[in-house]
Protein backbone atom coordinates (compact mmCIF):
# COMPACT_ATOMS: atom_id res chain seq x y z
CA MET A 1 -48.96 26.42 105.99
CA LEU A 2 -51.11 23.44 105.15
CA GLY A 3 -49.43 20.08 105.54
CA THR A 4 -50.56 16.50 105.18
CA ILE A 5 -49.33 12.96 105.57
CA SER A 6 -50.61 10.86 102.70
CA ASP A 7 -49.87 8.22 100.12
CA ILE A 8 -48.99 9.50 96.64
CA GLY A 9 -50.01 6.88 94.12
CA GLY A 10 -52.86 6.31 91.68
CA ILE A 11 -55.90 8.41 92.50
CA PRO A 12 -58.92 6.26 93.34
CA MET A 13 -62.09 7.30 91.55
CA LEU A 14 -63.99 8.59 94.55
CA ASP A 15 -67.77 8.78 94.43
CA TRP A 16 -67.82 12.56 94.59
CA LEU A 17 -65.71 12.84 91.45
CA LYS A 18 -68.38 10.91 89.55
CA ASN A 19 -70.85 13.77 89.99
CA LYS A 20 -73.15 13.91 86.95
CA ASN A 21 -74.60 17.39 87.46
CA SER A 22 -74.46 19.54 84.34
CA MET A 23 -72.85 22.95 84.58
CA THR A 24 -75.11 25.89 83.81
CA GLY A 25 -73.55 29.20 82.99
CA GLU A 26 -73.91 32.58 81.38
CA VAL A 27 -71.60 34.54 79.08
CA LEU A 28 -71.87 38.32 79.29
CA TYR A 29 -71.25 40.79 76.46
CA ARG A 30 -71.03 44.54 76.02
CA GLY A 31 -73.96 46.35 74.48
CA THR A 32 -77.65 45.52 74.66
CA LEU A 33 -78.43 43.70 71.42
CA MET A 34 -79.38 40.05 71.83
CA PRO A 35 -76.69 37.86 70.18
CA ARG A 36 -77.61 36.14 66.91
CA HIS A 37 -76.62 32.53 66.33
CA GLU A 38 -74.87 33.52 63.09
CA GLU A 39 -72.31 35.42 65.16
CA TYR A 40 -70.93 32.10 66.40
CA ALA A 41 -69.90 30.85 62.96
CA TYR A 42 -66.27 31.28 64.05
CA LEU A 43 -66.71 28.21 66.26
CA ASP A 44 -66.76 26.02 63.14
CA LYS A 45 -63.04 26.64 62.67
CA ALA A 46 -62.43 25.68 66.32
CA GLY A 47 -63.74 22.15 65.78
CA TYR A 48 -67.34 22.68 66.89
CA THR A 49 -70.45 21.38 65.19
CA ARG A 50 -73.43 23.75 65.45
CA THR A 51 -77.08 22.79 65.22
CA VAL A 52 -79.60 25.63 65.48
CA LYS A 53 -83.38 25.58 65.86
CA GLN A 54 -86.08 27.96 66.97
CA SER A 55 -86.91 27.97 70.68
CA GLN A 56 -90.12 26.26 71.81
CA HIS A 57 -91.80 29.62 72.39
CA GLY A 58 -91.04 30.76 68.87
CA GLN A 59 -88.76 33.56 70.03
CA GLY A 60 -85.03 33.44 69.69
CA TRP A 61 -82.96 30.34 69.03
CA VAL A 62 -81.41 27.32 70.69
CA MET A 63 -77.99 26.12 69.53
CA THR A 64 -76.46 22.73 70.27
CA LEU A 65 -72.66 22.80 70.24
CA SER A 66 -70.67 19.58 69.97
CA HIS A 67 -66.91 19.24 70.23
CA PRO A 68 -64.91 16.00 69.91
CA ARG A 69 -62.95 16.78 73.07
CA TYR A 70 -65.15 19.02 75.21
CA GLY A 71 -68.53 17.32 74.75
CA THR A 72 -71.94 18.90 74.14
CA ALA A 73 -73.55 22.14 75.25
CA THR A 74 -76.90 23.85 74.73
CA VAL A 75 -76.80 27.62 74.18
CA SER A 76 -79.61 30.18 74.02
CA PRO A 77 -79.84 33.97 74.28
CA ARG A 78 -81.21 35.51 77.44
CA HIS A 79 -84.28 37.51 76.37
CA GLU A 80 -84.61 39.59 79.52
CA PHE A 81 -81.11 40.43 80.63
CA VAL A 82 -80.64 40.88 84.38
CA PRO A 83 -77.31 42.45 85.40
CA LEU A 84 -75.23 40.58 87.92
CA PRO A 85 -75.92 41.96 91.40
CA PRO A 86 -73.10 44.33 92.42
CA VAL A 87 -72.66 42.38 95.65
CA ILE A 88 -71.85 39.19 93.69
CA LEU A 89 -69.18 41.05 91.73
CA ARG A 90 -67.75 42.74 94.78
CA LEU A 91 -67.52 39.54 96.84
CA ASP A 92 -65.93 37.30 94.20
CA PRO A 93 -62.30 36.78 95.30
CA ARG A 94 -61.24 36.01 91.72
CA LEU A 95 -62.06 39.51 90.47
CA THR A 96 -59.91 42.63 90.58
CA GLU A 97 -61.38 46.12 90.85
CA GLU A 98 -60.67 46.53 87.14
CA ASP A 99 -62.61 43.34 86.41
CA VAL A 100 -65.65 44.61 88.33
CA GLN A 101 -65.61 47.92 86.45
CA THR A 102 -65.42 46.09 83.12
CA ILE A 103 -68.24 43.64 83.87
CA GLN A 104 -70.78 46.08 85.33
CA PRO A 105 -71.75 47.75 82.00
CA CYS A 106 -72.57 44.42 80.29
CA GLY A 107 -76.10 44.46 78.89
CA THR A 108 -76.69 41.18 77.08
CA SER A 109 -75.82 37.51 77.49
CA VAL A 110 -76.37 33.89 76.48
CA ASN A 111 -77.13 30.98 78.78
CA PHE A 112 -75.44 27.63 78.32
CA GLU A 113 -75.56 24.17 79.84
CA VAL A 114 -72.78 21.59 79.47
CA ARG A 115 -73.50 17.93 80.10
CA ALA A 116 -71.22 15.91 82.36
CA GLU A 117 -69.81 13.13 80.19
CA LEU A 118 -66.39 12.12 81.58
CA GLY A 119 -67.43 10.84 84.99
CA ASN A 120 -64.95 13.16 86.70
CA VAL A 121 -66.38 16.49 87.84
CA LEU A 122 -62.97 18.19 87.88
CA HIS A 123 -62.47 17.43 84.18
CA ASP A 124 -66.13 17.83 83.17
CA ARG A 125 -66.17 21.32 84.67
CA LYS A 126 -62.90 22.15 82.94
CA ASN A 127 -64.45 21.18 79.61
CA ALA A 128 -67.37 23.47 80.48
CA LEU A 129 -64.88 26.32 80.89
CA HIS A 130 -63.64 25.63 77.35
CA PHE A 131 -67.21 26.19 76.13
CA MET A 132 -67.46 29.35 78.23
CA ARG A 133 -64.24 30.78 76.81
CA ASP A 134 -65.01 29.87 73.20
CA LEU A 135 -68.49 31.39 73.44
CA MET A 136 -66.86 34.63 74.58
CA GLY A 137 -64.80 34.89 71.41
CA THR A 138 -63.33 38.38 71.28
CA ASP A 139 -66.48 40.26 72.35
CA GLY A 140 -67.39 38.43 75.56
CA VAL A 141 -66.42 40.06 78.84
CA ALA A 142 -66.94 37.36 81.47
CA GLY A 143 -68.67 34.09 82.25
CA LEU A 144 -70.73 33.05 85.26
CA ASP A 145 -70.79 29.57 86.78
CA VAL A 146 -74.35 29.78 88.10
CA GLY A 147 -74.13 27.02 90.70
CA ALA A 148 -70.87 28.20 92.24
CA GLN A 149 -71.71 31.91 91.79
CA SER A 150 -68.18 32.31 90.44
CA ILE A 151 -67.20 34.71 87.69
CA TRP A 152 -64.48 34.02 85.12
CA THR A 153 -62.88 36.77 83.04
CA GLN A 154 -61.22 36.15 79.70
CA GLN A 155 -57.80 36.42 81.34
CA ALA A 156 -58.68 34.00 84.14
CA LEU A 157 -60.01 31.46 81.65
CA ASP A 158 -56.94 31.81 79.44
CA GLU A 159 -54.71 31.05 82.43
CA GLU A 160 -56.78 28.03 83.49
CA LEU A 161 -57.06 26.64 79.97
CA SER A 162 -53.35 27.06 79.20
CA HIS A 163 -52.73 23.61 80.73
CA ASP A 164 -54.55 20.29 80.91
CA ALA A 165 -54.61 19.80 84.69
CA GLY A 166 -58.05 19.07 86.12
CA LEU A 167 -59.71 21.84 88.11
CA ASP A 168 -58.99 22.24 91.78
CA ILE A 169 -61.87 21.81 94.22
CA GLU A 170 -61.76 25.59 94.84
CA SER A 171 -63.07 26.08 91.30
CA LEU A 172 -66.27 24.24 92.27
CA TYR A 173 -67.29 26.77 94.92
CA THR A 174 -66.92 30.43 95.80
CA THR A 175 -66.23 31.86 99.24
CA HIS A 176 -67.79 35.17 100.24
CA HIS A 177 -66.24 37.26 103.03
CA ILE A 178 -68.69 39.73 104.58
CA PHE A 179 -67.24 42.73 106.43
CA GLU A 180 -68.84 45.29 108.71
CA ALA A 181 -68.16 48.00 106.13
CA GLU A 182 -66.92 47.85 102.57
CA GLY A 183 -63.16 48.24 102.39
CA GLN A 184 -62.77 47.87 106.14
CA GLU A 185 -59.39 46.35 106.97
CA SER A 186 -60.40 43.77 109.56
CA ALA A 187 -61.50 40.18 109.64
CA PRO A 188 -64.86 39.38 108.06
CA TYR A 189 -67.66 38.60 110.49
CA TRP A 190 -69.35 36.10 108.14
CA VAL A 191 -67.58 33.78 105.71
CA HIS A 192 -69.62 31.34 103.65
CA THR A 193 -69.42 29.14 100.57
CA HIS A 194 -71.59 28.76 97.47
CA GLY A 195 -71.43 25.84 95.06
CA LEU A 196 -71.11 22.70 97.17
CA ALA A 197 -74.90 22.42 97.50
CA ASP A 198 -75.22 22.70 93.72
CA LEU A 199 -73.13 19.53 93.47
CA GLY A 200 -75.53 17.69 95.77
CA PHE A 201 -73.69 18.34 99.06
CA PHE A 202 -74.08 21.33 101.39
CA ASP A 203 -72.47 24.71 101.90
CA PHE A 204 -71.23 26.07 105.20
CA ASP A 205 -70.73 29.29 107.18
CA ILE A 206 -67.94 30.40 109.50
CA LEU A 207 -68.94 33.16 111.92
CA ARG A 208 -66.63 35.73 113.51
CA PRO A 209 -63.26 34.20 112.55
CA SER A 210 -60.25 35.73 114.28
CA PRO A 211 -58.46 38.53 112.39
CA GLU A 212 -55.27 36.53 112.92
CA ILE A 213 -56.43 33.71 110.65
CA ASP A 214 -58.27 35.63 107.93
CA GLY A 215 -55.34 35.28 105.52
CA ASN A 216 -55.17 31.51 106.09
CA LEU A 217 -58.88 30.74 106.00
CA ASN A 218 -58.72 29.31 102.48
CA GLU A 219 -56.68 26.32 103.69
CA LEU A 220 -59.24 25.55 106.39
CA ILE A 221 -62.14 26.00 103.97
CA ARG A 222 -60.50 23.64 101.46
CA ALA A 223 -60.04 21.00 104.16
CA ILE A 224 -63.69 21.26 105.21
CA ALA A 225 -64.85 21.20 101.58
CA PHE A 226 -62.88 18.03 100.89
CA GLY A 227 -64.33 16.46 104.03
CA ILE A 228 -67.84 17.31 102.85
CA VAL A 229 -67.56 15.96 99.30
CA GLU A 230 -65.84 12.79 100.54
CA GLY A 231 -68.74 12.16 102.91
CA LEU A 232 -66.62 12.44 106.05
CA ILE A 233 -68.32 15.64 107.23
CA LYS A 234 -72.12 15.55 107.26
CA PRO A 235 -74.53 18.50 107.66
CA ASP A 236 -74.99 17.47 111.32
CA THR A 237 -71.57 16.00 112.19
CA ALA A 238 -71.22 16.43 115.96
CA ASP A 239 -67.43 16.36 116.30
CA PHE A 240 -64.70 16.31 113.64
CA SER A 241 -60.98 16.90 114.13
CA ILE A 242 -60.00 19.14 111.22
CA ALA A 243 -56.52 20.24 112.36
CA SER A 244 -53.47 19.54 114.48
CA PRO A 245 -52.78 20.95 117.05
CA PRO A 246 -56.34 19.90 117.82
CA GLY A 247 -58.95 21.90 116.02
CA ARG A 248 -62.41 20.36 116.36
CA ILE A 249 -65.59 21.45 114.64
CA ARG A 250 -69.28 20.62 114.64
CA MET A 251 -71.67 21.18 111.73
CA VAL A 252 -75.11 22.47 112.67
CA PRO A 253 -77.80 22.80 109.95
CA VAL A 254 -79.13 26.33 109.55
CA TYR A 255 -82.66 25.46 110.70
CA GLU A 256 -81.26 23.95 113.92
CA PHE A 257 -78.85 26.82 114.47
CA GLN A 258 -81.70 29.33 114.14
CA LYS A 259 -83.64 27.51 116.86
CA LYS A 260 -80.86 26.77 119.34
CA ALA A 261 -78.24 29.51 118.97
CA SER A 262 -78.52 32.83 120.75
CA ALA A 263 -80.20 35.82 119.13
CA GLU A 264 -76.81 37.54 119.03
CA ASP A 265 -75.20 34.67 117.13
CA ASN A 266 -78.14 34.38 114.75
CA ALA A 267 -77.88 38.10 113.98
CA VAL A 268 -74.37 37.59 112.57
CA ARG A 269 -75.91 35.86 109.57
CA ASP A 270 -77.53 38.86 107.89
CA ASP A 271 -79.92 36.82 105.74
CA PRO A 272 -83.39 38.40 105.87
CA ASP A 273 -84.52 36.80 102.58
CA GLY A 274 -83.39 33.30 103.54
CA ASP A 275 -81.03 33.02 100.56
CA HIS A 276 -78.49 31.28 102.79
CA ALA A 277 -80.79 28.85 104.57
CA LYS A 278 -81.11 25.80 102.32
CA ASN A 279 -78.57 22.93 102.29
CA ARG A 280 -76.23 24.84 104.59
CA SER A 281 -74.62 24.29 108.00
CA ILE A 282 -72.79 26.50 110.49
CA VAL A 283 -69.34 25.60 111.81
CA CYS A 284 -69.86 25.41 115.58
CA ASP A 285 -68.24 24.23 118.78
CA PRO A 286 -68.14 20.41 118.92
CA ALA A 287 -70.89 18.71 120.88
CA ALA A 288 -69.63 18.05 124.41
CA GLY A 289 -71.21 15.46 126.64
CA PHE A 290 -74.20 13.15 126.37
CA MET A 291 -76.87 15.78 127.13
CA THR A 292 -75.54 18.18 124.52
CA LYS A 293 -75.45 15.50 121.84
CA ILE A 294 -79.03 14.47 122.65
CA PHE A 295 -80.67 17.85 123.23
CA GLY A 296 -78.34 20.14 121.27
CA LYS A 297 -77.94 22.71 124.05
CA GLY A 298 -75.03 25.09 123.84
CA VAL A 299 -75.01 25.53 120.03
CA ARG A 300 -72.71 28.43 119.23
CA PRO A 301 -70.17 29.45 116.55
CA ASN A 302 -66.79 27.75 116.80
CA ARG A 303 -64.64 29.40 119.46
CA TRP A 304 -61.43 27.77 118.21
CA LEU A 305 -61.83 29.84 115.03
CA GLU A 306 -62.78 32.95 117.01
CA ARG A 307 -59.56 32.64 119.03
CA GLY A 308 -57.41 31.84 116.00
CA TYR A 309 -54.83 29.16 115.31
CA GLY A 310 -51.06 29.32 114.88
CA ASP A 311 -49.01 29.34 111.66
CA GLY A 312 -47.89 25.78 112.38
CA THR A 313 -51.41 24.39 112.25
CA ILE A 314 -51.73 21.34 109.98
CA PHE A 315 -55.17 20.77 108.50
CA TRP A 316 -56.43 17.24 108.13
CA MET A 317 -56.81 16.05 104.56
CA SER A 318 -57.40 12.56 103.18
CA ASP A 319 -54.86 10.73 101.05
CA SER A 320 -57.10 11.14 98.03
CA ALA A 321 -57.45 14.89 98.57
CA SER A 322 -53.68 15.23 98.88
CA MET A 323 -53.21 13.24 95.70
CA LEU A 324 -55.62 15.48 93.81
CA MET A 325 -53.68 18.52 95.01
CA ALA A 326 -50.43 16.90 93.89
CA ARG A 327 -51.77 16.13 90.43
CA ARG A 328 -52.87 19.74 90.08
CA ALA A 329 -49.43 20.99 91.12
CA GLN A 330 -47.70 18.62 88.71
CA GLY A 331 -50.06 19.55 85.88
CA THR A 332 -49.31 23.26 86.34
CA TYR A 333 -45.54 22.89 86.79
CA GLN A 334 -44.66 24.41 83.42
CA MET A 335 -46.94 27.38 84.16
CA PHE A 336 -45.09 27.73 87.49
CA ARG A 337 -41.76 27.95 85.65
CA GLN A 338 -43.14 30.46 83.15
CA LEU A 339 -44.59 32.70 85.85
CA LEU A 340 -41.30 32.78 87.77
CA THR A 341 -39.52 33.90 84.60
CA GLU A 342 -42.21 36.43 83.64
CA PHE A 343 -42.20 38.11 87.05
CA GLU A 344 -38.48 37.92 87.80
CA LYS A 345 -38.23 41.73 87.76
CA PHE A 346 -40.58 41.82 90.77
CA GLN A 347 -38.08 39.76 92.81
CA VAL A 348 -40.64 37.00 93.30
CA GLN A 349 -39.69 33.89 95.24
CA GLY A 350 -40.89 30.38 94.54
CA ILE A 351 -41.06 27.42 96.88
CA VAL A 352 -42.14 23.85 96.18
CA LYS A 353 -43.57 21.03 98.28
CA SER A 354 -42.44 17.48 97.64
CA ALA A 355 -43.98 14.18 98.78
CA GLU A 356 -41.20 12.30 100.59
CA PRO A 357 -41.64 8.66 101.71
CA THR A 358 -41.33 8.15 105.44
CA ASP A 359 -38.91 5.65 106.99
CA GLU A 360 -41.77 3.22 107.70
CA GLY A 361 -42.68 3.07 104.01
CA ASN A 362 -46.12 2.92 102.43
CA ALA A 363 -47.92 1.99 105.64
CA TYR A 364 -47.25 5.50 106.92
CA GLY A 365 -47.36 7.30 103.58
CA HIS A 366 -45.41 10.44 102.84
CA GLU A 367 -44.45 13.71 104.45
CA HIS A 368 -45.00 16.80 102.32
CA LEU A 369 -41.94 18.99 102.78
CA TRP A 370 -41.09 22.46 101.48
CA PHE A 371 -37.96 23.12 99.42
CA GLU A 372 -36.41 26.47 98.52
CA ILE A 373 -35.70 26.50 94.81
CA VAL A 374 -32.13 26.22 93.54
CA GLU A 375 -32.97 25.28 89.94
CA LEU A 376 -36.09 24.34 88.02
CA LYS A 377 -35.40 21.90 85.20
CA ALA A 378 -37.84 20.68 82.55
CA ASP A 379 -38.72 17.53 84.49
CA SER A 380 -37.02 17.90 87.88
CA ILE A 381 -36.46 20.37 90.72
CA VAL A 382 -33.28 21.11 92.67
CA GLY A 383 -33.95 22.66 96.06
CA ARG A 384 -32.82 23.03 99.67
CA LEU A 385 -35.03 21.46 102.32
CA ALA A 386 -36.76 24.28 104.21
CA ASN A 387 -38.22 22.38 107.17
CA THR A 388 -37.32 19.50 109.43
CA PRO A 389 -38.81 16.07 108.58
CA TYR A 390 -40.66 14.22 111.33
CA ASN A 391 -39.87 10.71 110.25
CA ILE A 392 -37.27 10.70 107.45
CA ALA A 393 -33.79 10.27 108.89
CA LYS A 394 -31.90 10.63 105.60
CA LEU A 395 -33.19 14.14 104.89
CA GLN A 396 -31.64 17.13 106.63
CA MET A 397 -32.95 20.68 106.71
CA GLY A 398 -30.81 23.02 104.59
CA GLU A 399 -29.35 20.24 102.43
CA ARG A 400 -29.68 20.23 98.65
CA TYR A 401 -31.76 17.55 96.87
CA GLU A 402 -33.13 16.91 93.39
CA ARG A 403 -36.61 15.52 92.83
CA GLY A 404 -38.64 14.65 89.76
CA VAL A 405 -41.82 16.57 88.98
CA GLU A 406 -43.78 13.42 89.85
CA SER A 407 -42.89 14.10 93.53
CA LEU A 408 -44.30 17.63 93.44
CA SER A 409 -47.35 18.14 95.67
CA ASP A 410 -47.68 21.94 95.75
CA TRP A 411 -45.98 25.19 94.80
CA VAL A 412 -46.24 28.85 95.78
CA ILE A 413 -44.85 32.06 94.29
CA ALA A 414 -44.58 34.95 96.77
CA THR A 415 -45.12 38.26 94.95
CA PRO A 416 -45.68 41.92 95.92
CA ALA A 417 -49.32 41.46 94.84
CA GLY A 418 -49.91 38.33 96.93
CA PRO A 419 -49.28 34.61 96.50
CA ILE A 420 -49.73 32.68 93.25
CA THR A 421 -50.55 28.99 93.65
CA PRO A 422 -51.82 26.17 91.41
CA ARG A 423 -55.28 27.16 92.65
CA TYR A 424 -55.16 30.97 92.66
CA THR A 425 -53.56 33.26 90.08
CA VAL A 426 -55.23 36.64 90.67
CA ALA A 427 -51.88 38.08 91.81
CA ALA A 428 -50.44 37.37 88.36
CA ARG A 429 -53.09 39.55 86.74
CA LEU A 430 -52.49 42.30 89.31
CA LEU A 431 -48.78 42.30 88.56
CA ARG A 432 -49.50 42.71 84.86
CA LEU A 433 -52.12 45.42 85.40
CA HIS A 434 -50.11 47.50 87.87
CA ALA A 435 -46.53 46.69 86.90
CA ASP A 436 -45.24 50.26 86.80
CA GLU A 437 -46.66 51.35 90.15
CA ILE A 438 -45.59 48.12 91.88
CA LEU A 439 -42.04 48.47 90.58
CA GLN A 440 -41.96 52.12 91.63
CA SER A 441 -43.16 51.20 95.12
CA MET A 442 -40.48 48.51 95.37
CA GLN A 443 -37.82 51.01 94.31
CA GLU A 444 -38.97 53.53 96.91
CA GLN A 445 -38.92 50.91 99.67
CA GLY A 446 -35.42 49.76 98.76
CA PRO A 447 -33.93 46.29 99.28
CA ALA A 448 -35.88 43.97 101.58
């Protein structure tokens, strides 16, 4: 379980949040007829202003959409529709099997580009998702964030847009897990991100991670992603401590890895077309010794990740990253309460993490501690402390405490379909889609 020690206060406007890159996307529809701009007249009632003109090539149209809250977007039909590659659909962790089957028959689409206007990429990208959802209307099936290679269904967008919390960093990239064979129940041999390079940073690969850590890889990937966007982890960082107990990593650019790693290790990255070669590094063993740092000998995939790490591993995360996570958790608190009520029949269990000041005060920040829920109130949480504090004498494991929502730094709902978090709600859609069979399975298994 990820843990941090940080200072919960006002979030500094970090440089990476000021990213000005526009978001480009695509909205996919059923059928094959190219959409007409007149079909978007319904947007007028949603507060949009539409300006339409002929495209420069004299074919089709270009529509400028303006909204007082969401900003400005440019929309145009795609004249030569190209279906999304099946591999992109299959590898997207946000999609269910039902989603994939629904998206595959799509035969027409529009492209859109949303300008970054707020100076905060997490809120600019959220506004772009409002455009994506509104362009779908009732006929759209899904939307594609081109840079992140992430796909959003209507249901996923409705969940994300049901609250005003800024996006989580996980919404800015997609992680692909490549297995030896489709459906094989083992650890992936190649895990890699898409989307960080589109923001002006770089993506990264993890090779041959241990089967023991496959279910917890997202926490590690988040920690590395935060380190990259904050400028703490560079494409060629030689040694970075990412976890405690010690977990050290080195970043090796692809071109260097291809030259210095063994043929066997290079073969793990099945990339004959070079689609995963630009602005990308491999997570490797840290450089050891003067000669290695100078000449780069001994480059190989990270053996700490091949061996696996324990459940008690704490991943390093900056104060600012922890604060962003906390704001996301606080901003989705009401959704958390609603989901617990909605899925009560599945015997789901919720747990919350609270930022607790240490005995030394602000100089040593906060400990983020888990509490088992006793009662969720409108603006506070009553819970029993589920772990032992390191440096807070007044708190005792198992005792009951009440905390305001402003102390919340994370939450998790354990369900039969997998965990639901402020960052990941696919399990909620699975529970709705397969309610009867899940309940039947629970009944057959009997009490836990």
